[in-house]
Every structure is written in structure tokens, then in C-alpha cells.
Amino acid sequence: MKKISMLAVLTLLPVYGSMAANNMNNKTNPQPTYWSVTEVLSLPDNSPVVMRGRITKNMGGNMYLFEDSSGNVVLEIDEEDWNGNTVRVNDIVTVYGNVDKGVNYTEIDVESVEK
């Protein structure tokens, strides 16, 4: 019986800890931490990022130029990633995505755009 109880406690402990951490984060840090373009350019491939700035140019297809006060980077935004938002040039947006690094480029593979 003690083995089963201990197993139950050990199994639920990580779940409870995760829930508590998420709850604390929501109370102390309700806003996401935004990465600047300069910071994003130095991150490794596949790093998750949240950025706030402006989409300044459609570069053709699903490629867009994003700019904040530190510089600019290319975004790849698929149709479903717009979440129904209509974004005009220079509207301030929040972009959620992952760094995509190649040999000669760094861009952001966008997962979601919020206006």
C-alpha cells in the first residue's frame, strides 16, 4: 500500500509543480517577454520568440519584412497564422514564432500574429 501511495505522490508532483509555476507566472508576469530583432538574430535555430513591432513590407508570397526599433528581419507567415486579422503596413503587431537559421539567412517562421 505504501508503494502505491508513494508512486501516486511521485507521479502527481511534477503535474502540481507545473500548474503552480504557470499560475505564478500568470500573476507576476502577465505580459510576454518580447525579443528585439537584434536579439533574435543572435539566437540559435528553432528558438521560440515573441516580438512586437511593425510589418513594413510584403516581400512576395508569404514573406514579410518586420521592423522594431533595433532593426528588421524577414517573417514567413502562412495564411492560417494571421488568425483572421487584417494587418496594414505599419500596424503594430505581436508575432509568435521560431527562429529559422540557414547558412546565409535568419528569418522567423511565424506561428501566430496578434494585432
C-alpha atoms as a PDB file:
ATOM      1  CA  MET A   1       0.000   0.000   0.000  1.00  0.00           C
ATOM      2  CA  LYS A   2       2.837   2.403   0.850  1.00  0.00           C
ATOM      3  CA  LYS A   3       4.430   1.727  -2.540  1.00  0.00           C
ATOM      4  CA  ILE A   4       1.221   2.640  -4.358  1.00  0.00           C
ATOM      5  CA  SER A   5       0.762   5.844  -2.314  1.00  0.00           C
ATOM      6  CA  MET A   6       4.364   6.902  -2.866  1.00  0.00           C
ATOM      7  CA  LEU A   7       4.039   6.178  -6.592  1.00  0.00           C
ATOM      8  CA  ALA A   8       0.893   8.321  -6.761  1.00  0.00           C
ATOM      9  CA  VAL A   9       2.626  11.203  -4.982  1.00  0.00           C
ATOM     10  CA  LEU A  10       5.695  10.998  -7.216  1.00  0.00           C
ATOM     11  CA  THR A  11       3.528  10.858 -10.324  1.00  0.00           C
ATOM     12  CA  LEU A  12       1.403  13.871  -9.384  1.00  0.00           C
ATOM     13  CA  LEU A  13       4.217  16.034  -8.015  1.00  0.00           C
ATOM     14  CA  PRO A  14       5.518  17.205 -11.440  1.00  0.00           C
ATOM     15  CA  VAL A  15       1.957  17.973 -12.579  1.00  0.00           C
ATOM     16  CA  TYR A  16       1.240  20.038  -9.474  1.00  0.00           C
ATOM     17  CA  GLY A  17       4.592  21.817  -9.734  1.00  0.00           C
ATOM     18  CA  SER A  18       3.949  22.718 -13.350  1.00  0.00           C
ATOM     19  CA  MET A  19       0.481  24.058 -12.559  1.00  0.00           C
ATOM     20  CA  ALA A  20       1.836  26.124  -9.672  1.00  0.00           C
ATOM     21  CA  ALA A  21       4.618  27.576 -11.828  1.00  0.00           C
ATOM     22  CA  ASN A  22       2.159  28.527 -14.561  1.00  0.00           C
ATOM     23  CA  ASN A  23      -0.148  30.130 -12.031  1.00  0.00           C
ATOM     24  CA  MET A  24       2.711  32.139 -10.501  1.00  0.00           C
ATOM     25  CA  ASN A  25       3.895  33.278 -13.937  1.00  0.00           C
ATOM     26  CA  ASN A  26       0.422  34.497 -14.815  1.00  0.00           C
ATOM     27  CA  LYS A  27       0.256  36.610 -11.656  1.00  0.00           C
ATOM     28  CA  THR A  28       3.743  38.074 -11.730  1.00  0.00           C
ATOM     29  CA  ASN A  29       4.314  38.373 -15.480  1.00  0.00           C
ATOM     30  CA  PRO A  30       1.062  38.736 -17.414  1.00  0.00           C
ATOM     31  CA  GLN A  31       2.819  40.225 -20.463  1.00  0.00           C
ATOM     32  CA  PRO A  32       5.096  38.087 -22.636  1.00  0.00           C
ATOM     33  CA  THR A  33       8.769  38.940 -22.841  1.00  0.00           C
ATOM     34  CA  TYR A  34       9.433  40.458 -26.244  1.00  0.00           C
ATOM     35  CA  TRP A  35      12.651  39.757 -28.161  1.00  0.00           C
ATOM     36  CA  SER A  36      14.152  42.577 -30.198  1.00  0.00           C
ATOM     37  CA  VAL A  37      15.216  41.920 -33.775  1.00  0.00           C
ATOM     38  CA  THR A  38      18.855  42.309 -32.732  1.00  0.00           C
ATOM     39  CA  GLU A  39      18.421  39.659 -30.025  1.00  0.00           C
ATOM     40  CA  VAL A  40      16.539  37.322 -32.371  1.00  0.00           C
ATOM     41  CA  LEU A  41      19.343  37.443 -34.947  1.00  0.00           C
ATOM     42  CA  SER A  42      21.774  36.021 -32.379  1.00  0.00           C
ATOM     43  CA  LEU A  43      19.535  33.152 -31.203  1.00  0.00           C
ATOM     44  CA  PRO A  44      20.068  29.559 -32.347  1.00  0.00           C
ATOM     45  CA  ASP A  45      17.854  27.815 -34.900  1.00  0.00           C
ATOM     46  CA  ASN A  46      14.365  26.796 -33.691  1.00  0.00           C
ATOM     47  CA  SER A  47      14.414  29.172 -30.700  1.00  0.00           C
ATOM     48  CA  PRO A  48      10.875  30.288 -29.799  1.00  0.00           C
ATOM     49  CA  VAL A  49      10.378  34.058 -29.917  1.00  0.00           C
ATOM     50  CA  VAL A  50       7.725  36.697 -29.284  1.00  0.00           C
ATOM     51  CA  MET A  51       8.324  40.034 -30.997  1.00  0.00           C
ATOM     52  CA  ARG A  52       6.444  43.322 -31.067  1.00  0.00           C
ATOM     53  CA  GLY A  53       6.799  45.755 -33.942  1.00  0.00           C
ATOM     54  CA  ARG A  54       5.556  46.569 -37.430  1.00  0.00           C
ATOM     55  CA  ILE A  55       5.236  44.608 -40.643  1.00  0.00           C
ATOM     56  CA  THR A  56       6.565  47.146 -43.116  1.00  0.00           C
ATOM     57  CA  LYS A  57       6.559  45.313 -46.440  1.00  0.00           C
ATOM     58  CA  ASN A  58       5.117  42.315 -48.255  1.00  0.00           C
ATOM     59  CA  MET A  59       8.129  40.799 -49.986  1.00  0.00           C
ATOM     60  CA  GLY A  60       6.004  38.465 -52.093  1.00  0.00           C
ATOM     61  CA  GLY A  61       4.124  35.302 -51.288  1.00  0.00           C
ATOM     62  CA  ASN A  62       4.147  34.647 -47.569  1.00  0.00           C
ATOM     63  CA  MET A  63       7.363  36.604 -46.849  1.00  0.00           C
ATOM     64  CA  TYR A  64       7.175  39.913 -44.964  1.00  0.00           C
ATOM     65  CA  LEU A  65       9.635  42.444 -43.588  1.00  0.00           C
ATOM     66  CA  PHE A  66       9.249  43.057 -39.838  1.00  0.00           C
ATOM     67  CA  GLU A  67      10.801  46.026 -38.044  1.00  0.00           C
ATOM     68  CA  ASP A  68      11.266  47.188 -34.477  1.00  0.00           C
ATOM     69  CA  SER A  69      13.465  49.895 -33.003  1.00  0.00           C
ATOM     70  CA  SER A  70      16.557  47.651 -33.231  1.00  0.00           C
ATOM     71  CA  GLY A  71      16.349  46.528 -36.870  1.00  0.00           C
ATOM     72  CA  ASN A  72      14.441  44.278 -39.249  1.00  0.00           C
ATOM     73  CA  VAL A  73      14.031  40.590 -40.043  1.00  0.00           C
ATOM     74  CA  VAL A  74      12.079  38.563 -42.583  1.00  0.00           C
ATOM     75  CA  LEU A  75       8.944  36.744 -41.419  1.00  0.00           C
ATOM     76  CA  GLU A  76       7.363  33.741 -43.093  1.00  0.00           C
ATOM     77  CA  ILE A  77       3.626  33.953 -42.364  1.00  0.00           C
ATOM     78  CA  ASP A  78       1.282  31.275 -43.704  1.00  0.00           C
ATOM     79  CA  GLU A  79      -2.375  32.188 -44.311  1.00  0.00           C
ATOM     80  CA  GLU A  80      -3.677  30.416 -41.190  1.00  0.00           C
ATOM     81  CA  ASP A  81      -1.120  32.209 -38.978  1.00  0.00           C
ATOM     82  CA  TRP A  82      -2.911  35.559 -39.416  1.00  0.00           C
ATOM     83  CA  ASN A  83      -5.770  34.280 -37.211  1.00  0.00           C
ATOM     84  CA  GLY A  84      -8.292  36.282 -39.215  1.00  0.00           C
ATOM     85  CA  ASN A  85      -6.501  39.584 -38.502  1.00  0.00           C
ATOM     86  CA  THR A  86      -6.282  42.219 -41.198  1.00  0.00           C
ATOM     87  CA  VAL A  87      -2.923  43.899 -40.790  1.00  0.00           C
ATOM     88  CA  ARG A  88      -1.968  47.010 -42.706  1.00  0.00           C
ATOM     89  CA  VAL A  89       1.550  48.255 -43.300  1.00  0.00           C
ATOM     90  CA  ASN A  90       2.924  49.813 -40.116  1.00  0.00           C
ATOM     91  CA  ASP A  91       0.231  48.373 -37.798  1.00  0.00           C
ATOM     92  CA  ILE A  92       1.840  47.318 -34.524  1.00  0.00           C
ATOM     93  CA  VAL A  93       1.591  43.547 -34.100  1.00  0.00           C
ATOM     94  CA  THR A  94       2.802  40.799 -31.799  1.00  0.00           C
ATOM     95  CA  VAL A  95       4.413  37.880 -33.607  1.00  0.00           C
ATOM     96  CA  TYR A  96       4.880  34.407 -32.115  1.00  0.00           C
ATOM     97  CA  GLY A  97       7.234  32.077 -33.949  1.00  0.00           C
ATOM     98  CA  ASN A  98      10.548  30.265 -34.161  1.00  0.00           C
ATOM     99  CA  VAL A  99      13.941  31.305 -35.463  1.00  0.00           C
ATOM    100  CA  ASP A 100      14.807  29.703 -38.800  1.00  0.00           C
ATOM    101  CA  LYS A 101      18.549  29.938 -39.483  1.00  0.00           C
ATOM    102  CA  GLY A 102      20.164  28.967 -42.740  1.00  0.00           C
ATOM    103  CA  VAL A 103      23.709  29.340 -43.967  1.00  0.00           C
ATOM    104  CA  ASN A 104      23.192  32.894 -45.229  1.00  0.00           C
ATOM    105  CA  TYR A 105      19.926  33.999 -43.619  1.00  0.00           C
ATOM    106  CA  THR A 106      17.874  34.268 -40.447  1.00  0.00           C
ATOM    107  CA  GLU A 107      14.110  34.559 -40.606  1.00  0.00           C
ATOM    108  CA  ILE A 108      11.173  33.858 -38.342  1.00  0.00           C
ATOM    109  CA  ASP A 109       8.744  31.050 -39.072  1.00  0.00           C
ATOM    110  CA  VAL A 110       5.580  32.641 -37.653  1.00  0.00           C
ATOM    111  CA  GLU A 111       3.013  30.552 -35.803  1.00  0.00           C
ATOM    112  CA  SER A 112       0.626  33.372 -34.867  1.00  0.00           C
ATOM    113  CA  VAL A 113       0.074  37.098 -35.427  1.00  0.00           C
ATOM    114  CA  GLU A 114      -1.901  39.268 -32.985  1.00  0.00           C
ATOM    115  CA  LYS A 115      -2.970  42.824 -33.646  1.00  0.00           C
END
